[in-house]
Amino acid sequence: MATIEQPEYIWHNGAIIPWMDAKVHVLSHAIHYGSSVFEGIRCYKTHQGPAFFRLDEHIERLYQSAKIYRMRIPFTFEELVKACHQVITENNLRNAYLRPIAFFGYGGIGVQPKSNPVFVSIAAFPWGAYLGEDSFNNGVDTAISSWNRVASNTIPTAAKAGGNYLSSQLVIEEATRHGYHEGIALDTNGYISEGSGENIFVVRNGVIYTPPFTASILPGITRDTVMTLARERQLTVVEQNMTREALYLADEAFMTGTAAELVPIRSIDGLSIDNGKRGPITQQLQEDFFGLFNGKTKDQWGWLTPVEEKAYA
């Protein structure tokens, strides 16, 4: 994976500060117990200038994740939205990935963070295609992981929480160790869940299938976007449990996520999906998705939020 292309500034606890000055104590609760919630947001260089994609929904999900863990974020929704604009403009960015994160900081050492303050940071930096620049056209090779996703009554998968991604780390590390681009985890009932950081879609006989929330998935915002675009084209989208052979027998399959965007799956467990090439429905949805940013797809849903103007060099 690509290293961070370091910008000049970061928003940290209410102020824009130099990037390297954003520091926390090594005994911060989040470092020891994974007690953080975060988001990934894309800012695209659109035909009408830089714009955030579904900014409000991402910030809202940050608060929802925090609510599950009874974490009180010490900033208002409006303050965090404004901070997202600030880190883009202060760093003179047009095309960027943003990482808002809220976490329990330094205080008590016990598991329950009663005396630990909540810190919030928002970083913005350039980041291209998560699974490689050629992944959009050529697709990626995947494998079913030996690691299952957690059951919903153990760790809530609806929260985008730092600790959840220890599971993701195991999934992708195993996959890449065996020569695949990405792993796909099953839930504890043996149904397809998700990738290490992506939702999964399967196309069969012109119908698009995707696992439901009850399959221990994160309710993805890009997932919702693609489902909306598909239905706009009068394509049938079905949320249902699927066993692993649904991928083996798929006409097409693809992954979605803020980082990955929309990437075809060309093989699973060494078996080519159809002819191993990107399918027509996947390609059409890619064109509709990326068309939101080049003006070919009308943003009738109000998903794009223009970055507040500053003197761009």
Protein backbone atom coordinates (compact mmCIF):
# COMPACT_ATOMS: atom_id res chain seq x y z
CA MET A 1 0.00 0.00 0.00
CA ALA A 2 1.14 3.53 -0.72
CA THR A 3 2.79 5.63 1.95
CA ILE A 4 1.21 8.94 2.95
CA GLU A 5 2.12 11.86 0.74
CA GLN A 6 2.60 14.23 3.65
CA PRO A 7 0.82 17.61 3.44
CA GLU A 8 1.75 20.69 5.42
CA TYR A 9 -1.17 20.96 7.83
CA ILE A 10 -3.65 18.87 9.80
CA TRP A 11 -6.75 19.79 11.83
CA HIS A 12 -6.23 18.62 15.41
CA ASN A 13 -8.56 19.27 18.35
CA GLY A 14 -10.03 22.44 16.90
CA ALA A 15 -7.06 24.05 15.19
CA ILE A 16 -5.03 23.83 12.00
CA ILE A 17 -1.48 22.95 13.03
CA PRO A 18 1.69 21.71 11.28
CA TRP A 19 1.33 18.07 10.25
CA MET A 20 4.14 16.75 12.46
CA ASP A 21 2.82 18.59 15.54
CA ALA A 22 -0.26 16.35 15.84
CA LYS A 23 0.92 14.15 18.73
CA VAL A 24 -0.66 11.99 21.43
CA HIS A 25 0.72 10.20 24.46
CA VAL A 26 1.78 6.56 24.07
CA LEU A 27 -0.56 5.65 26.94
CA SER A 28 -3.57 7.01 25.11
CA HIS A 29 -6.53 4.66 25.50
CA ALA A 30 -6.97 4.19 21.73
CA ILE A 31 -3.43 2.87 21.30
CA HIS A 32 -3.99 0.14 23.89
CA TYR A 33 -7.62 -0.79 23.30
CA GLY A 34 -8.46 0.28 19.74
CA SER A 35 -11.03 2.78 21.03
CA SER A 36 -11.29 5.04 18.00
CA VAL A 37 -13.93 5.72 15.38
CA PHE A 38 -13.07 7.14 12.01
CA GLU A 39 -14.17 7.88 8.46
CA GLY A 40 -12.67 7.91 5.00
CA ILE A 41 -13.90 10.71 2.73
CA ARG A 42 -12.94 11.55 -0.84
CA CYS A 43 -12.57 15.05 -2.22
CA TYR A 44 -12.59 14.94 -6.02
CA LYS A 45 -11.30 17.42 -8.56
CA THR A 46 -14.58 17.73 -10.43
CA HIS A 47 -15.48 19.60 -13.61
CA GLN A 48 -16.76 22.39 -11.34
CA GLY A 49 -13.83 22.48 -8.93
CA PRO A 50 -12.89 20.41 -5.86
CA ALA A 51 -15.87 18.84 -4.10
CA PHE A 52 -16.44 16.40 -1.26
CA PHE A 53 -18.38 13.24 -1.98
CA ARG A 54 -21.25 12.63 0.46
CA LEU A 55 -19.53 14.66 3.18
CA ASP A 56 -22.56 15.01 5.46
CA GLU A 57 -23.27 11.27 5.40
CA HIS A 58 -19.70 10.46 6.37
CA ILE A 59 -19.63 12.91 9.27
CA GLU A 60 -23.04 11.65 10.41
CA ARG A 61 -21.72 8.08 10.42
CA LEU A 62 -18.76 9.22 12.52
CA TYR A 63 -21.19 10.43 15.18
CA GLN A 64 -23.22 7.24 14.90
CA SER A 65 -20.11 5.11 15.43
CA ALA A 66 -19.18 7.23 18.43
CA LYS A 67 -22.69 6.85 19.89
CA ILE A 68 -22.42 3.06 19.86
CA TYR A 69 -19.31 3.31 22.03
CA ARG A 70 -20.74 6.12 24.18
CA MET A 71 -18.01 8.44 23.00
CA ARG A 72 -18.96 12.10 23.15
CA ILE A 73 -17.30 14.00 20.34
CA PRO A 74 -16.47 17.47 21.74
CA PHE A 75 -17.23 19.29 18.47
CA THR A 76 -20.47 19.95 16.65
CA PHE A 77 -21.38 18.48 13.29
CA GLU A 78 -20.96 21.92 11.72
CA GLU A 79 -17.50 22.36 13.24
CA LEU A 80 -16.28 19.07 11.79
CA VAL A 81 -17.72 19.86 8.36
CA LYS A 82 -15.94 23.22 8.44
CA ALA A 83 -12.73 21.49 9.52
CA CYS A 84 -12.91 19.25 6.45
CA HIS A 85 -13.04 22.35 4.25
CA GLN A 86 -10.13 23.87 6.15
CA VAL A 87 -7.73 20.94 5.74
CA ILE A 88 -8.37 20.92 2.00
CA THR A 89 -7.92 24.64 1.48
CA GLU A 90 -5.00 25.11 3.90
CA ASN A 91 -3.11 22.36 2.12
CA ASN A 92 -4.14 23.67 -1.31
CA LEU A 93 -5.52 20.26 -2.29
CA ARG A 94 -7.96 19.51 -5.09
CA ASN A 95 -8.03 15.73 -5.12
CA ALA A 96 -7.62 14.16 -1.71
CA TYR A 97 -8.57 11.54 0.83
CA LEU A 98 -9.70 12.73 4.27
CA ARG A 99 -9.42 10.77 7.49
CA PRO A 100 -11.47 12.19 10.40
CA ILE A 101 -10.81 10.24 13.58
CA ALA A 102 -12.12 10.54 17.14
CA PHE A 103 -10.47 8.57 19.92
CA PHE A 104 -10.07 8.26 23.65
CA GLY A 105 -6.81 9.85 24.68
CA TYR A 106 -4.54 9.88 27.72
CA GLY A 107 -6.12 9.55 31.18
CA GLY A 108 -6.96 6.32 32.95
CA ILE A 109 -5.33 3.03 32.00
CA GLY A 110 -8.35 0.78 32.59
CA VAL A 111 -10.48 -0.67 29.82
CA GLN A 112 -13.42 1.62 30.59
CA PRO A 113 -12.41 5.13 29.44
CA LYS A 114 -14.18 7.06 32.22
CA SER A 115 -11.41 9.61 32.71
CA ASN A 116 -10.05 9.75 29.16
CA PRO A 117 -10.66 12.83 27.01
CA VAL A 118 -11.88 12.46 23.44
CA PHE A 119 -9.50 13.84 20.83
CA VAL A 120 -10.46 14.55 17.23
CA SER A 121 -8.22 14.97 14.20
CA ILE A 122 -8.89 15.39 10.49
CA ALA A 123 -6.15 14.71 7.97
CA ALA A 124 -6.26 15.29 4.21
CA PHE A 125 -3.70 14.03 1.72
CA PRO A 126 -3.44 12.83 -1.88
CA TRP A 127 -4.29 9.15 -2.34
CA GLY A 128 -4.92 7.43 -5.63
CA ALA A 129 -6.46 4.04 -6.36
CA TYR A 130 -6.38 1.91 -3.21
CA LEU A 131 -6.04 -1.42 -5.05
CA GLY A 132 -3.77 -0.11 -7.82
CA GLU A 133 -4.25 2.18 -10.79
CA ASP A 134 -4.96 -0.72 -13.16
CA SER A 135 -7.56 -2.27 -10.86
CA PHE A 136 -10.47 -0.31 -12.36
CA ASN A 137 -9.97 -1.84 -15.81
CA ASN A 138 -8.30 -5.17 -15.09
CA GLY A 139 -9.90 -6.09 -11.76
CA VAL A 140 -8.33 -7.82 -8.78
CA ASP A 141 -7.64 -11.38 -7.67
CA THR A 142 -9.28 -12.33 -4.38
CA ALA A 143 -9.53 -15.29 -2.04
CA ILE A 144 -11.90 -16.38 0.70
CA SER A 145 -10.15 -15.77 4.01
CA SER A 146 -9.77 -18.36 6.73
CA TRP A 147 -10.72 -15.55 9.12
CA ASN A 148 -14.43 -14.95 9.69
CA ARG A 149 -15.96 -11.57 10.36
CA VAL A 150 -17.00 -11.06 13.96
CA ALA A 151 -20.56 -11.86 14.99
CA SER A 152 -22.80 -8.83 15.44
CA ASN A 153 -23.28 -9.55 19.15
CA THR A 154 -19.53 -9.44 19.80
CA ILE A 155 -18.28 -6.27 18.11
CA PRO A 156 -20.84 -4.04 16.34
CA THR A 157 -19.88 -3.96 12.67
CA ALA A 158 -22.15 -0.96 12.01
CA ALA A 159 -19.54 1.15 13.82
CA LYS A 160 -16.50 2.14 11.79
CA ALA A 161 -14.23 1.58 14.78
CA GLY A 162 -10.46 1.19 14.86
CA GLY A 163 -10.53 -2.08 16.77
CA ASN A 164 -12.68 -3.70 14.08
CA TYR A 165 -9.84 -3.37 11.61
CA LEU A 166 -7.66 -5.85 13.43
CA SER A 167 -9.96 -8.35 11.70
CA SER A 168 -9.38 -6.59 8.38
CA GLN A 169 -5.64 -6.68 8.93
CA LEU A 170 -5.73 -10.46 9.29
CA VAL A 171 -7.88 -10.83 6.18
CA ILE A 172 -5.72 -8.75 3.83
CA GLU A 173 -2.40 -9.91 5.27
CA GLU A 174 -3.35 -13.53 4.64
CA ALA A 175 -4.57 -12.74 1.11
CA THR A 176 -1.51 -10.78 0.03
CA ARG A 177 0.82 -13.36 1.59
CA HIS A 178 -0.66 -15.90 -0.80
CA GLY A 179 -0.43 -13.63 -3.83
CA TYR A 180 -3.92 -12.13 -3.97
CA HIS A 181 -4.83 -8.46 -4.04
CA GLU A 182 -7.58 -8.73 -1.42
CA GLY A 183 -9.32 -11.21 0.85
CA ILE A 184 -13.05 -11.77 1.31
CA ALA A 185 -14.32 -12.78 4.73
CA LEU A 186 -17.37 -14.90 5.49
CA ASP A 187 -19.58 -14.21 8.50
CA THR A 188 -19.87 -16.68 11.36
CA ASN A 189 -22.77 -18.41 9.55
CA GLY A 190 -20.64 -19.07 6.48
CA TYR A 191 -22.19 -16.40 4.26
CA ILE A 192 -20.24 -13.83 2.24
CA SER A 193 -19.60 -10.75 4.35
CA GLU A 194 -17.11 -8.22 2.93
CA GLY A 195 -13.49 -7.57 2.00
CA SER A 196 -10.97 -6.13 4.41
CA GLY A 197 -12.21 -2.65 3.52
CA GLU A 198 -14.83 -3.09 0.82
CA ASN A 199 -18.41 -4.22 0.34
CA ILE A 200 -19.08 -7.04 -2.15
CA PHE A 201 -21.47 -7.26 -5.10
CA VAL A 202 -22.28 -10.25 -7.31
CA VAL A 203 -24.04 -10.07 -10.71
CA ARG A 204 -25.97 -13.11 -11.94
CA ASN A 205 -28.36 -13.14 -14.92
CA GLY A 206 -28.57 -9.35 -14.89
CA VAL A 207 -29.49 -9.12 -11.18
CA ILE A 208 -27.15 -7.48 -8.68
CA TYR A 209 -26.82 -9.17 -5.28
CA THR A 210 -25.07 -7.88 -2.17
CA PRO A 211 -24.87 -9.14 1.43
CA PRO A 212 -27.32 -7.57 3.91
CA PHE A 213 -26.35 -5.64 7.04
CA THR A 214 -26.93 -8.81 9.06
CA ALA A 215 -23.92 -10.45 7.36
CA SER A 216 -21.58 -8.46 9.65
CA ILE A 217 -20.86 -5.78 7.06
CA LEU A 218 -20.15 -2.09 7.48
CA PRO A 219 -23.08 -0.21 5.88
CA GLY A 220 -20.96 1.38 3.17
CA ILE A 221 -21.72 4.82 1.77
CA THR A 222 -20.20 3.89 -1.59
CA ARG A 223 -22.27 0.68 -1.40
CA ASP A 224 -25.42 2.78 -1.04
CA THR A 225 -24.26 5.03 -3.90
CA VAL A 226 -23.81 2.12 -6.29
CA MET A 227 -27.16 0.58 -5.32
CA THR A 228 -28.83 3.93 -6.04
CA LEU A 229 -27.08 4.29 -9.41
CA ALA A 230 -28.02 0.74 -10.35
CA ARG A 231 -31.69 1.28 -9.54
CA GLU A 232 -31.61 4.53 -11.50
CA ARG A 233 -30.75 2.33 -14.51
CA GLN A 234 -33.69 0.04 -13.70
CA LEU A 235 -31.35 -2.73 -12.58
CA THR A 236 -32.62 -5.04 -9.84
CA VAL A 237 -30.59 -4.96 -6.63
CA VAL A 238 -31.20 -7.67 -4.04
CA GLU A 239 -29.77 -7.74 -0.52
CA GLN A 240 -29.51 -11.36 0.56
CA ASN A 241 -27.20 -13.89 2.18
CA MET A 242 -24.89 -15.67 -0.26
CA THR A 243 -22.61 -18.65 0.14
CA ARG A 244 -19.10 -18.54 -1.28
CA GLU A 245 -20.02 -20.44 -4.45
CA ALA A 246 -22.14 -17.46 -5.47
CA LEU A 247 -18.83 -15.82 -6.33
CA TYR A 248 -17.60 -18.90 -8.21
CA LEU A 249 -20.74 -18.90 -10.37
CA ALA A 250 -21.08 -15.12 -10.82
CA ASP A 251 -21.28 -13.47 -14.22
CA GLU A 252 -19.61 -10.44 -12.65
CA ALA A 253 -18.47 -9.33 -9.22
CA PHE A 254 -17.08 -6.10 -7.84
CA MET A 255 -16.04 -4.32 -4.66
CA THR A 256 -16.96 -0.86 -3.41
CA GLY A 257 -15.56 1.47 -0.78
CA THR A 258 -14.40 5.05 -0.30
CA ALA A 259 -10.75 4.05 -0.70
CA ALA A 260 -11.27 1.32 -3.32
CA GLU A 261 -14.09 3.20 -5.12
CA LEU A 262 -15.54 0.61 -7.57
CA VAL A 263 -13.25 -2.26 -8.57
CA PRO A 264 -14.06 -5.43 -10.55
CA ILE A 265 -13.20 -8.84 -9.08
CA ARG A 266 -11.61 -10.96 -11.80
CA SER A 267 -10.98 -14.13 -9.81
CA ILE A 268 -11.86 -15.80 -6.53
CA ASP A 269 -9.80 -18.63 -5.04
CA GLY A 270 -7.98 -19.03 -8.37
CA LEU A 271 -11.21 -19.34 -10.37
CA SER A 272 -11.88 -16.70 -13.02
CA ILE A 273 -15.20 -14.91 -12.70
CA ASP A 274 -16.81 -15.49 -16.10
CA ASN A 275 -13.99 -14.71 -18.58
CA GLY A 276 -11.81 -12.92 -16.05
CA LYS A 277 -12.57 -9.51 -17.51
CA ARG A 278 -14.63 -6.59 -16.28
CA GLY A 279 -18.30 -7.20 -17.05
CA PRO A 280 -20.69 -4.78 -18.78
CA ILE A 281 -22.79 -3.98 -15.69
CA THR A 282 -19.67 -3.31 -13.62
CA GLN A 283 -18.31 -1.06 -16.37
CA GLN A 284 -21.59 0.84 -16.66
CA LEU A 285 -21.75 1.43 -12.91
CA GLN A 286 -18.13 2.61 -12.93
CA GLU A 287 -18.96 5.09 -15.68
CA ASP A 288 -21.98 6.33 -13.72
CA PHE A 289 -19.99 6.59 -10.50
CA PHE A 290 -16.97 8.41 -11.90
CA GLY A 291 -19.33 10.41 -14.10
CA LEU A 292 -20.46 12.20 -10.96
CA PHE A 293 -17.06 13.88 -10.91
CA ASN A 294 -16.53 14.64 -14.60
CA GLY A 295 -20.08 15.88 -15.20
CA LYS A 296 -21.38 12.93 -17.26
CA THR A 297 -23.69 11.80 -14.44
CA LYS A 298 -26.07 14.42 -13.07
CA ASP A 299 -25.77 14.75 -9.29
CA GLN A 300 -29.51 14.70 -8.70
CA TRP A 301 -29.01 13.45 -5.14
CA GLY A 302 -26.89 16.38 -3.92
CA TRP A 303 -23.94 14.14 -3.10
CA LEU A 304 -21.26 16.68 -4.07
CA THR A 305 -20.35 19.50 -1.70
CA PRO A 306 -18.08 22.13 -3.28
CA VAL A 307 -15.05 23.01 -1.21
CA GLU A 308 -15.38 26.50 0.20
CA GLU A 309 -13.30 28.86 -1.91
CA LYS A 310 -9.84 29.94 -0.90
CA ALA A 311 -7.13 31.38 -3.10
CA TYR A 312 -5.88 28.27 -4.86
CA ALA A 313 -2.41 28.76 -6.31
